[in-house]
């Protein structure tokens, strides 16, 4: 699965990434295990 942030220039928005990140919280929530960037 994917969740996304929006940037008009496709840049890294680290403050938003921090708010999106989901640690392992047991068998209730999807866990974030990777962050993807595209360059260019």
ModelCIF file with pLDDT and N, C-alpha, C, O atoms, coordinates in Angstrom:
data_MODEL
#
_entry.id   MODEL 
#
_entity.id                         1 
_entity.type                       polymer 
_entity.pdbx_number_of_molecules   1 
#
_entity_poly.entity_id                      1 
_entity_poly.type                           'polypeptide(L)' 
_entity_poly.nstd_linkage                   no 
_entity_poly.nstd_monomer                   no 
_entity_poly.pdbx_seq_one_letter_code       
;(UNK)(UNK)(UNK)(UNK)(UNK)(UNK)(UNK)(UNK)(UNK)(UNK)(UNK)(UNK)(UNK)(UNK)(UNK)(UNK)
(UNK)(UNK)(UNK)(UNK)(UNK)(UNK)(UNK)(UNK)(UNK)(UNK)(UNK)(UNK)(UNK)(UNK)(UNK)(UNK)
(UNK)(UNK)(UNK)(UNK)(UNK)(UNK)(UNK)(UNK)
;
_entity_poly.pdbx_seq_one_letter_code_can   XXXXXXXXXXXXXXXXXXXXXXXXXXXXXXXXXXXXXXXX 
_entity_poly.pdbx_strand_id                 A 
#
loop_
_entity_poly_seq.entity_id 
_entity_poly_seq.num 
_entity_poly_seq.mon_id 
_entity_poly_seq.hetero 
1 1  UNK n 
1 2  UNK n 
1 3  UNK n 
1 4  UNK n 
1 5  UNK n 
1 6  UNK n 
1 7  UNK n 
1 8  UNK n 
1 9  UNK n 
1 10 UNK n 
1 11 UNK n 
1 12 UNK n 
1 13 UNK n 
1 14 UNK n 
1 15 UNK n 
1 16 UNK n 
1 17 UNK n 
1 18 UNK n 
1 19 UNK n 
1 20 UNK n 
1 21 UNK n 
1 22 UNK n 
1 23 UNK n 
1 24 UNK n 
1 25 UNK n 
1 26 UNK n 
1 27 UNK n 
1 28 UNK n 
1 29 UNK n 
1 30 UNK n 
1 31 UNK n 
1 32 UNK n 
1 33 UNK n 
1 34 UNK n 
1 35 UNK n 
1 36 UNK n 
1 37 UNK n 
1 38 UNK n 
1 39 UNK n 
1 40 UNK n 
#
_struct_asym.id          A 
_struct_asym.entity_id   1 
#
loop_
_ma_qa_metric.id 
_ma_qa_metric.mode 
_ma_qa_metric.name 
_ma_qa_metric.software_group_id 
_ma_qa_metric.type 
1 global pLDDT . pLDDT 
2 local  pLDDT . pLDDT 
#
_ma_qa_metric_global.metric_id      1 
_ma_qa_metric_global.metric_value   95.65 
_ma_qa_metric_global.model_id       1 
_ma_qa_metric_global.ordinal_id     1 
#
loop_
_ma_qa_metric_local.label_asym_id 
_ma_qa_metric_local.label_comp_id 
_ma_qa_metric_local.label_seq_id 
_ma_qa_metric_local.metric_id 
_ma_qa_metric_local.metric_value 
_ma_qa_metric_local.model_id 
_ma_qa_metric_local.ordinal_id 
A UNK 1  2 96.00 1 1  
A UNK 2  2 97.00 1 2  
A UNK 3  2 97.00 1 3  
A UNK 4  2 97.00 1 4  
A UNK 5  2 97.00 1 5  
A UNK 6  2 97.00 1 6  
A UNK 7  2 96.00 1 7  
A UNK 8  2 92.00 1 8  
A UNK 9  2 93.00 1 9  
A UNK 10 2 94.00 1 10 
A UNK 11 2 97.00 1 11 
A UNK 12 2 97.00 1 12 
A UNK 13 2 97.00 1 13 
A UNK 14 2 97.00 1 14 
A UNK 15 2 97.00 1 15 
A UNK 16 2 97.00 1 16 
A UNK 17 2 98.00 1 17 
A UNK 18 2 98.00 1 18 
A UNK 19 2 97.00 1 19 
A UNK 20 2 97.00 1 20 
A UNK 21 2 97.00 1 21 
A UNK 22 2 96.00 1 22 
A UNK 23 2 95.00 1 23 
A UNK 24 2 92.00 1 24 
A UNK 25 2 90.00 1 25 
A UNK 26 2 90.00 1 26 
A UNK 27 2 89.00 1 27 
A UNK 28 2 88.00 1 28 
A UNK 29 2 92.00 1 29 
A UNK 30 2 95.00 1 30 
A UNK 31 2 96.00 1 31 
A UNK 32 2 97.00 1 32 
A UNK 33 2 98.00 1 33 
A UNK 34 2 98.00 1 34 
A UNK 35 2 98.00 1 35 
A UNK 36 2 98.00 1 36 
A UNK 37 2 98.00 1 37 
A UNK 38 2 98.00 1 38 
A UNK 39 2 97.00 1 39 
A UNK 40 2 96.00 1 40 
#
loop_
_atom_site.group_PDB 
_atom_site.id 
_atom_site.type_symbol 
_atom_site.label_atom_id 
_atom_site.label_alt_id 
_atom_site.label_comp_id 
_atom_site.label_asym_id 
_atom_site.label_entity_id 
_atom_site.label_seq_id 
_atom_site.pdbx_PDB_ins_code 
_atom_site.Cartn_x 
_atom_site.Cartn_y 
_atom_site.Cartn_z 
_atom_site.occupancy 
_atom_site.B_iso_or_equiv 
_atom_site.pdbx_formal_charge 
_atom_site.auth_seq_id 
_atom_site.auth_comp_id 
_atom_site.auth_asym_id 
_atom_site.auth_atom_id 
_atom_site.pdbx_PDB_model_num 
ATOM 1   N N  . UNK A 1 1  ? 0.845  -1.190 0.000   1.00 96.00 ? 1  UNK A N  1 
ATOM 2   C CA . UNK A 1 1  ? 0.000  0.000  0.000   1.00 96.00 ? 1  UNK A CA 1 
ATOM 3   C C  . UNK A 1 1  ? 0.882  1.242  0.000   1.00 96.00 ? 1  UNK A C  1 
ATOM 4   O O  . UNK A 1 1  ? 2.071  1.173  0.309   1.00 96.00 ? 1  UNK A O  1 
ATOM 5   N N  . UNK A 1 2  ? 0.283  2.381  -0.351  1.00 97.00 ? 2  UNK A N  1 
ATOM 6   C CA . UNK A 1 2  ? 1.020  3.646  -0.424  1.00 97.00 ? 2  UNK A CA 1 
ATOM 7   C C  . UNK A 1 2  ? 0.228  4.749  0.253   1.00 97.00 ? 2  UNK A C  1 
ATOM 8   O O  . UNK A 1 2  ? -1.001 4.773  0.199   1.00 97.00 ? 2  UNK A O  1 
ATOM 9   N N  . UNK A 1 3  ? 0.947  5.660  0.889   1.00 97.00 ? 3  UNK A N  1 
ATOM 10  C CA . UNK A 1 3  ? 0.397  6.967  1.237   1.00 97.00 ? 3  UNK A CA 1 
ATOM 11  C C  . UNK A 1 3  ? 1.348  8.024  0.693   1.00 97.00 ? 3  UNK A C  1 
ATOM 12  O O  . UNK A 1 3  ? 2.539  7.771  0.515   1.00 97.00 ? 3  UNK A O  1 
ATOM 13  N N  . UNK A 1 4  ? 0.809  9.208  0.432   1.00 97.00 ? 4  UNK A N  1 
ATOM 14  C CA . UNK A 1 4  ? 1.581  10.186 -0.331  1.00 97.00 ? 4  UNK A CA 1 
ATOM 15  C C  . UNK A 1 4  ? 1.539  11.576 0.292   1.00 97.00 ? 4  UNK A C  1 
ATOM 16  O O  . UNK A 1 4  ? 0.618  11.933 1.027   1.00 97.00 ? 4  UNK A O  1 
ATOM 17  N N  . UNK A 1 5  ? 2.573  12.341 -0.033  1.00 97.00 ? 5  UNK A N  1 
ATOM 18  C CA . UNK A 1 5  ? 2.562  13.777 0.215   1.00 97.00 ? 5  UNK A CA 1 
ATOM 19  C C  . UNK A 1 5  ? 2.520  14.477 -1.140  1.00 97.00 ? 5  UNK A C  1 
ATOM 20  O O  . UNK A 1 5  ? 2.826  13.863 -2.162  1.00 97.00 ? 5  UNK A O  1 
ATOM 21  N N  . UNK A 1 6  ? 2.150  15.733 -1.161  1.00 97.00 ? 6  UNK A N  1 
ATOM 22  C CA . UNK A 1 6  ? 2.018  16.488 -2.404  1.00 97.00 ? 6  UNK A CA 1 
ATOM 23  C C  . UNK A 1 6  ? 3.024  17.629 -2.419  1.00 97.00 ? 6  UNK A C  1 
ATOM 24  O O  . UNK A 1 6  ? 3.117  18.411 -1.473  1.00 97.00 ? 6  UNK A O  1 
ATOM 25  N N  . UNK A 1 7  ? 3.770  17.707 -3.507  1.00 96.00 ? 7  UNK A N  1 
ATOM 26  C CA . UNK A 1 7  ? 4.681  18.833 -3.714  1.00 96.00 ? 7  UNK A CA 1 
ATOM 27  C C  . UNK A 1 7  ? 4.675  19.166 -5.202  1.00 96.00 ? 7  UNK A C  1 
ATOM 28  O O  . UNK A 1 7  ? 4.871  18.269 -6.021  1.00 96.00 ? 7  UNK A O  1 
ATOM 29  N N  . UNK A 1 8  ? 4.454  20.434 -5.583  1.00 92.00 ? 8  UNK A N  1 
ATOM 30  C CA . UNK A 1 8  ? 4.340  20.776 -7.006  1.00 92.00 ? 8  UNK A CA 1 
ATOM 31  C C  . UNK A 1 8  ? 5.600  20.495 -7.804  1.00 92.00 ? 8  UNK A C  1 
ATOM 32  O O  . UNK A 1 8  ? 5.539  20.364 -9.027  1.00 92.00 ? 8  UNK A O  1 
ATOM 33  N N  . UNK A 1 9  ? 6.752  20.399 -7.127  1.00 93.00 ? 9  UNK A N  1 
ATOM 34  C CA . UNK A 1 9  ? 8.010  20.096 -7.809  1.00 93.00 ? 9  UNK A CA 1 
ATOM 35  C C  . UNK A 1 9  ? 8.512  18.699 -7.462  1.00 93.00 ? 9  UNK A C  1 
ATOM 36  O O  . UNK A 1 9  ? 9.668  18.372 -7.730  1.00 93.00 ? 9  UNK A O  1 
ATOM 37  N N  . UNK A 1 10 ? 7.659  17.880 -6.871  1.00 94.00 ? 10 UNK A N  1 
ATOM 38  C CA . UNK A 1 10 ? 8.030  16.513 -6.576  1.00 94.00 ? 10 UNK A CA 1 
ATOM 39  C C  . UNK A 1 10 ? 9.098  16.351 -5.514  1.00 94.00 ? 10 UNK A C  1 
ATOM 40  O O  . UNK A 1 10 ? 9.734  15.301 -5.424  1.00 94.00 ? 10 UNK A O  1 
ATOM 41  N N  . UNK A 1 11 ? 9.299  17.383 -4.709  1.00 97.00 ? 11 UNK A N  1 
ATOM 42  C CA . UNK A 1 11 ? 10.412 17.391 -3.764  1.00 97.00 ? 11 UNK A CA 1 
ATOM 43  C C  . UNK A 1 11 ? 10.088 16.621 -2.481  1.00 97.00 ? 11 UNK A C  1 
ATOM 44  O O  . UNK A 1 11 ? 8.938  16.263 -2.225  1.00 97.00 ? 11 UNK A O  1 
ATOM 45  N N  . UNK A 1 12 ? 11.121 16.379 -1.691  1.00 97.00 ? 12 UNK A N  1 
ATOM 46  C CA . UNK A 1 12 ? 10.957 15.765 -0.384  1.00 97.00 ? 12 UNK A CA 1 
ATOM 47  C C  . UNK A 1 12 ? 10.365 16.805 0.570   1.00 97.00 ? 12 UNK A C  1 
ATOM 48  O O  . UNK A 1 12 ? 10.921 17.891 0.735   1.00 97.00 ? 12 UNK A O  1 
ATOM 49  N N  . UNK A 1 13 ? 9.246  16.471 1.189   1.00 97.00 ? 13 UNK A N  1 
ATOM 50  C CA . UNK A 1 13 ? 8.630  17.332 2.206   1.00 97.00 ? 13 UNK A CA 1 
ATOM 51  C C  . UNK A 1 13 ? 8.797  16.616 3.540   1.00 97.00 ? 13 UNK A C  1 
ATOM 52  O O  . UNK A 1 13 ? 7.901  15.904 3.992   1.00 97.00 ? 13 UNK A O  1 
ATOM 53  N N  . UNK A 1 14 ? 9.946  16.811 4.156   1.00 97.00 ? 14 UNK A N  1 
ATOM 54  C CA . UNK A 1 14 ? 10.286 16.021 5.335   1.00 97.00 ? 14 UNK A CA 1 
ATOM 55  C C  . UNK A 1 14 ? 9.324  16.252 6.503   1.00 97.00 ? 14 UNK A C  1 
ATOM 56  O O  . UNK A 1 14 ? 8.982  15.288 7.187   1.00 97.00 ? 14 UNK A O  1 
ATOM 57  N N  . UNK A 1 15 ? 8.871  17.488 6.765   1.00 97.00 ? 15 UNK A N  1 
ATOM 58  C CA . UNK A 1 15 ? 7.896  17.638 7.857   1.00 97.00 ? 15 UNK A CA 1 
ATOM 59  C C  . UNK A 1 15 ? 6.630  16.807 7.640   1.00 97.00 ? 15 UNK A C  1 
ATOM 60  O O  . UNK A 1 15 ? 6.097  16.223 8.583   1.00 97.00 ? 15 UNK A O  1 
ATOM 61  N N  . UNK A 1 16 ? 6.148  16.757 6.387   1.00 97.00 ? 16 UNK A N  1 
ATOM 62  C CA . UNK A 1 16 ? 4.959  15.950 6.114   1.00 97.00 ? 16 UNK A CA 1 
ATOM 63  C C  . UNK A 1 16 ? 5.268  14.465 6.201   1.00 97.00 ? 16 UNK A C  1 
ATOM 64  O O  . UNK A 1 16 ? 4.450  13.687 6.691   1.00 97.00 ? 16 UNK A O  1 
ATOM 65  N N  . UNK A 1 17 ? 6.453  14.063 5.725   1.00 98.00 ? 17 UNK A N  1 
ATOM 66  C CA . UNK A 1 17 ? 6.853  12.658 5.843   1.00 98.00 ? 17 UNK A CA 1 
ATOM 67  C C  . UNK A 1 17 ? 6.830  12.239 7.307   1.00 98.00 ? 17 UNK A C  1 
ATOM 68  O O  . UNK A 1 17 ? 6.408  11.129 7.631   1.00 98.00 ? 17 UNK A O  1 
ATOM 69  N N  . UNK A 1 18 ? 7.278  13.115 8.182   1.00 98.00 ? 18 UNK A N  1 
ATOM 70  C CA . UNK A 1 18 ? 7.285  12.789 9.610   1.00 98.00 ? 18 UNK A CA 1 
ATOM 71  C C  . UNK A 1 18 ? 5.868  12.548 10.119  1.00 98.00 ? 18 UNK A C  1 
ATOM 72  O O  . UNK A 1 18 ? 5.641  11.648 10.927  1.00 98.00 ? 18 UNK A O  1 
ATOM 73  N N  . UNK A 1 19 ? 4.921  13.346 9.650   1.00 97.00 ? 19 UNK A N  1 
ATOM 74  C CA . UNK A 1 19 ? 3.539  13.163 10.107  1.00 97.00 ? 19 UNK A CA 1 
ATOM 75  C C  . UNK A 1 19 ? 2.899  11.918 9.502   1.00 97.00 ? 19 UNK A C  1 
ATOM 76  O O  . UNK A 1 19 ? 2.008  11.326 10.112  1.00 97.00 ? 19 UNK A O  1 
ATOM 77  N N  . UNK A 1 20 ? 3.344  11.509 8.304   1.00 97.00 ? 20 UNK A N  1 
ATOM 78  C CA . UNK A 1 20 ? 2.787  10.324 7.660   1.00 97.00 ? 20 UNK A CA 1 
ATOM 79  C C  . UNK A 1 20 ? 3.348  9.031  8.238   1.00 97.00 ? 20 UNK A C  1 
ATOM 80  O O  . UNK A 1 20 ? 2.657  8.013  8.272   1.00 97.00 ? 20 UNK A O  1 
ATOM 81  N N  . UNK A 1 21 ? 4.584  9.068  8.688   1.00 97.00 ? 21 UNK A N  1 
ATOM 82  C CA . UNK A 1 21 ? 5.245  7.846  9.140   1.00 97.00 ? 21 UNK A CA 1 
ATOM 83  C C  . UNK A 1 21 ? 4.434  7.136  10.213  1.00 97.00 ? 21 UNK A C  1 
ATOM 84  O O  . UNK A 1 21 ? 3.987  7.747  11.184  1.00 97.00 ? 21 UNK A O  1 
ATOM 85  N N  . UNK A 1 22 ? 4.251  5.821  10.015  1.00 96.00 ? 22 UNK A N  1 
ATOM 86  C CA . UNK A 1 22 ? 3.505  4.996  10.967  1.00 96.00 ? 22 UNK A CA 1 
ATOM 87  C C  . UNK A 1 22 ? 4.399  3.870  11.455  1.00 96.00 ? 22 UNK A C  1 
ATOM 88  O O  . UNK A 1 22 ? 4.754  2.991  10.669  1.00 96.00 ? 22 UNK A O  1 
ATOM 89  N N  . UNK A 1 23 ? 4.772  3.868  12.718  1.00 95.00 ? 23 UNK A N  1 
ATOM 90  C CA . UNK A 1 23 ? 5.593  2.780  13.250  1.00 95.00 ? 23 UNK A CA 1 
ATOM 91  C C  . UNK A 1 23 ? 4.760  1.510  13.418  1.00 95.00 ? 23 UNK A C  1 
ATOM 92  O O  . UNK A 1 23 ? 3.552  1.506  13.182  1.00 95.00 ? 23 UNK A O  1 
ATOM 93  N N  . UNK A 1 24 ? 5.422  0.449  13.826  1.00 92.00 ? 24 UNK A N  1 
ATOM 94  C CA . UNK A 1 24 ? 4.727  -0.801 14.098  1.00 92.00 ? 24 UNK A CA 1 
ATOM 95  C C  . UNK A 1 24 ? 3.913  -0.633 15.376  1.00 92.00 ? 24 UNK A C  1 
ATOM 96  O O  . UNK A 1 24 ? 4.472  -0.489 16.463  1.00 92.00 ? 24 UNK A O  1 
ATOM 97  N N  . UNK A 1 25 ? 2.574  -0.652 15.237  1.00 90.00 ? 25 UNK A N  1 
ATOM 98  C CA . UNK A 1 25 ? 1.694  -0.472 16.393  1.00 90.00 ? 25 UNK A CA 1 
ATOM 99  C C  . UNK A 1 25 ? 0.803  -1.691 16.605  1.00 90.00 ? 25 UNK A C  1 
ATOM 100 O O  . UNK A 1 25 ? -0.323 -1.590 17.092  1.00 90.00 ? 25 UNK A O  1 
ATOM 101 N N  . UNK A 1 26 ? 1.348  -2.850 16.220  1.00 90.00 ? 26 UNK A N  1 
ATOM 102 C CA . UNK A 1 26 ? 0.604  -4.076 16.448  1.00 90.00 ? 26 UNK A CA 1 
ATOM 103 C C  . UNK A 1 26 ? -0.375 -4.378 15.327  1.00 90.00 ? 26 UNK A C  1 
ATOM 104 O O  . UNK A 1 26 ? -0.331 -3.726 14.284  1.00 90.00 ? 26 UNK A O  1 
ATOM 105 N N  . UNK A 1 27 ? -1.257 -5.353 15.516  1.00 89.00 ? 27 UNK A N  1 
ATOM 106 C CA . UNK A 1 27 ? -2.132 -5.842 14.434  1.00 89.00 ? 27 UNK A CA 1 
ATOM 107 C C  . UNK A 1 27 ? -3.375 -4.985 14.221  1.00 89.00 ? 27 UNK A C  1 
ATOM 108 O O  . UNK A 1 27 ? -4.487 -5.503 14.122  1.00 89.00 ? 27 UNK A O  1 
ATOM 109 N N  . UNK A 1 28 ? -3.174 -3.650 14.150  1.00 88.00 ? 28 UNK A N  1 
ATOM 110 C CA . UNK A 1 28 ? -4.306 -2.762 13.957  1.00 88.00 ? 28 UNK A CA 1 
ATOM 111 C C  . UNK A 1 28 ? -4.080 -1.756 12.835  1.00 88.00 ? 28 UNK A C  1 
ATOM 112 O O  . UNK A 1 28 ? -5.039 -1.327 12.192  1.00 88.00 ? 28 UNK A O  1 
ATOM 113 N N  . UNK A 1 29 ? -2.831 -1.375 12.590  1.00 92.00 ? 29 UNK A N  1 
ATOM 114 C CA . UNK A 1 29 ? -2.522 -0.301 11.661  1.00 92.00 ? 29 UNK A CA 1 
ATOM 115 C C  . UNK A 1 29 ? -1.468 -0.746 10.651  1.00 92.00 ? 29 UNK A C  1 
ATOM 116 O O  . UNK A 1 29 ? -0.636 -1.611 10.926  1.00 92.00 ? 29 UNK A O  1 
ATOM 117 N N  . UNK A 1 30 ? -1.532 -0.127 9.478   1.00 95.00 ? 30 UNK A N  1 
ATOM 118 C CA . UNK A 1 30 ? -0.515 -0.388 8.454   1.00 95.00 ? 30 UNK A CA 1 
ATOM 119 C C  . UNK A 1 30 ? 0.810  0.242  8.900   1.00 95.00 ? 30 UNK A C  1 
ATOM 120 O O  . UNK A 1 30 ? 0.844  1.370  9.392   1.00 95.00 ? 30 UNK A O  1 
ATOM 121 N N  . UNK A 1 31 ? 1.872  -0.495 8.720   1.00 96.00 ? 31 UNK A N  1 
ATOM 122 C CA . UNK A 1 31 ? 3.201  -0.045 9.154   1.00 96.00 ? 31 UNK A CA 1 
ATOM 123 C C  . UNK A 1 31 ? 3.985  0.509  7.967   1.00 96.00 ? 31 UNK A C  1 
ATOM 124 O O  . UNK A 1 31 ? 4.006  -0.104 6.899   1.00 96.00 ? 31 UNK A O  1 
ATOM 125 N N  . UNK A 1 32 ? 4.627  1.657  8.144   1.00 97.00 ? 32 UNK A N  1 
ATOM 126 C CA . UNK A 1 32 ? 5.532  2.214  7.136   1.00 97.00 ? 32 UNK A CA 1 
ATOM 127 C C  . UNK A 1 32 ? 6.873  1.491  7.211   1.00 97.00 ? 32 UNK A C  1 
ATOM 128 O O  . UNK A 1 32 ? 7.493  1.420  8.272   1.00 97.00 ? 32 UNK A O  1 
ATOM 129 N N  . UNK A 1 33 ? 7.318  0.950  6.057   1.00 98.00 ? 33 UNK A N  1 
ATOM 130 C CA . UNK A 1 33 ? 8.633  0.302  6.065   1.00 98.00 ? 33 UNK A CA 1 
ATOM 131 C C  . UNK A 1 33 ? 9.601  0.900  5.047   1.00 98.00 ? 33 UNK A C  1 
ATOM 132 O O  . UNK A 1 33 ? 10.780 0.547  5.031   1.00 98.00 ? 33 UNK A O  1 
ATOM 133 N N  . UNK A 1 34 ? 9.106  1.809  4.193   1.00 98.00 ? 34 UNK A N  1 
ATOM 134 C CA . UNK A 1 34 ? 10.012 2.433  3.224   1.00 98.00 ? 34 UNK A CA 1 
ATOM 135 C C  . UNK A 1 34 ? 9.476  3.788  2.795   1.00 98.00 ? 34 UNK A C  1 
ATOM 136 O O  . UNK A 1 34 ? 8.276  4.058  2.860   1.00 98.00 ? 34 UNK A O  1 
ATOM 137 N N  . UNK A 1 35 ? 10.388 4.618  2.360   1.00 98.00 ? 35 UNK A N  1 
ATOM 138 C CA . UNK A 1 35 ? 10.070 5.914  1.752   1.00 98.00 ? 35 UNK A CA 1 
ATOM 139 C C  . UNK A 1 35 ? 10.703 5.917  0.368   1.00 98.00 ? 35 UNK A C  1 
ATOM 140 O O  . UNK A 1 35 ? 11.866 5.544  0.208   1.00 98.00 ? 35 UNK A O  1 
ATOM 141 N N  . UNK A 1 36 ? 9.937  6.338  -0.628  1.00 98.00 ? 36 UNK A N  1 
ATOM 142 C CA . UNK A 1 36 ? 10.434 6.348  -2.007  1.00 98.00 ? 36 UNK A CA 1 
ATOM 143 C C  . UNK A 1 36 ? 10.560 7.778  -2.513  1.00 98.00 ? 36 UNK A C  1 
ATOM 144 O O  . UNK A 1 36 ? 9.699  8.620  -2.258  1.00 98.00 ? 36 UNK A O  1 
ATOM 145 N N  . UNK A 1 37 ? 11.646 8.037  -3.233  1.00 98.00 ? 37 UNK A N  1 
ATOM 146 C CA . UNK A 1 37 ? 11.851 9.327  -3.881  1.00 98.00 ? 37 UNK A CA 1 
ATOM 147 C C  . UNK A 1 37 ? 12.175 9.087  -5.352  1.00 98.00 ? 37 UNK A C  1 
ATOM 148 O O  . UNK A 1 37 ? 12.688 8.031  -5.722  1.00 98.00 ? 37 UNK A O  1 
ATOM 149 N N  . UNK A 1 38 ? 11.874 10.069 -6.174  1.00 98.00 ? 38 UNK A N  1 
ATOM 150 C CA . UNK A 1 38 ? 12.108 9.962  -7.617  1.00 98.00 ? 38 UNK A CA 1 
ATOM 151 C C  . UNK A 1 38 ? 13.010 11.096 -8.063  1.00 98.00 ? 38 UNK A C  1 
ATOM 152 O O  . UNK A 1 38 ? 12.684 12.267 -7.867  1.00 98.00 ? 38 UNK A O  1 
ATOM 153 N N  . UNK A 1 39 ? 14.147 10.754 -8.662  1.00 97.00 ? 39 UNK A N  1 
ATOM 154 C CA . UNK A 1 39 ? 15.145 11.757 -9.016  1.00 97.00 ? 39 UNK A CA 1 
ATOM 155 C C  . UNK A 1 39 ? 15.800 11.393 -10.361 1.00 97.00 ? 39 UNK A C  1 
ATOM 156 O O  . UNK A 1 39 ? 16.526 10.403 -10.452 1.00 97.00 ? 39 UNK A O  1 
ATOM 157 N N  . UNK A 1 40 ? 15.536 12.205 -11.406 1.00 96.00 ? 40 UNK A N  1 
ATOM 158 C CA . UNK A 1 40 ? 14.695 13.375 -11.440 1.00 96.00 ? 40 UNK A CA 1 
ATOM 159 C C  . UNK A 1 40 ? 13.227 12.969 -11.425 1.00 96.00 ? 40 UNK A C  1 
ATOM 160 O O  . UNK A 1 40 ? 12.348 13.830 -11.450 1.00 96.00 ? 40 UNK A O  1 
#
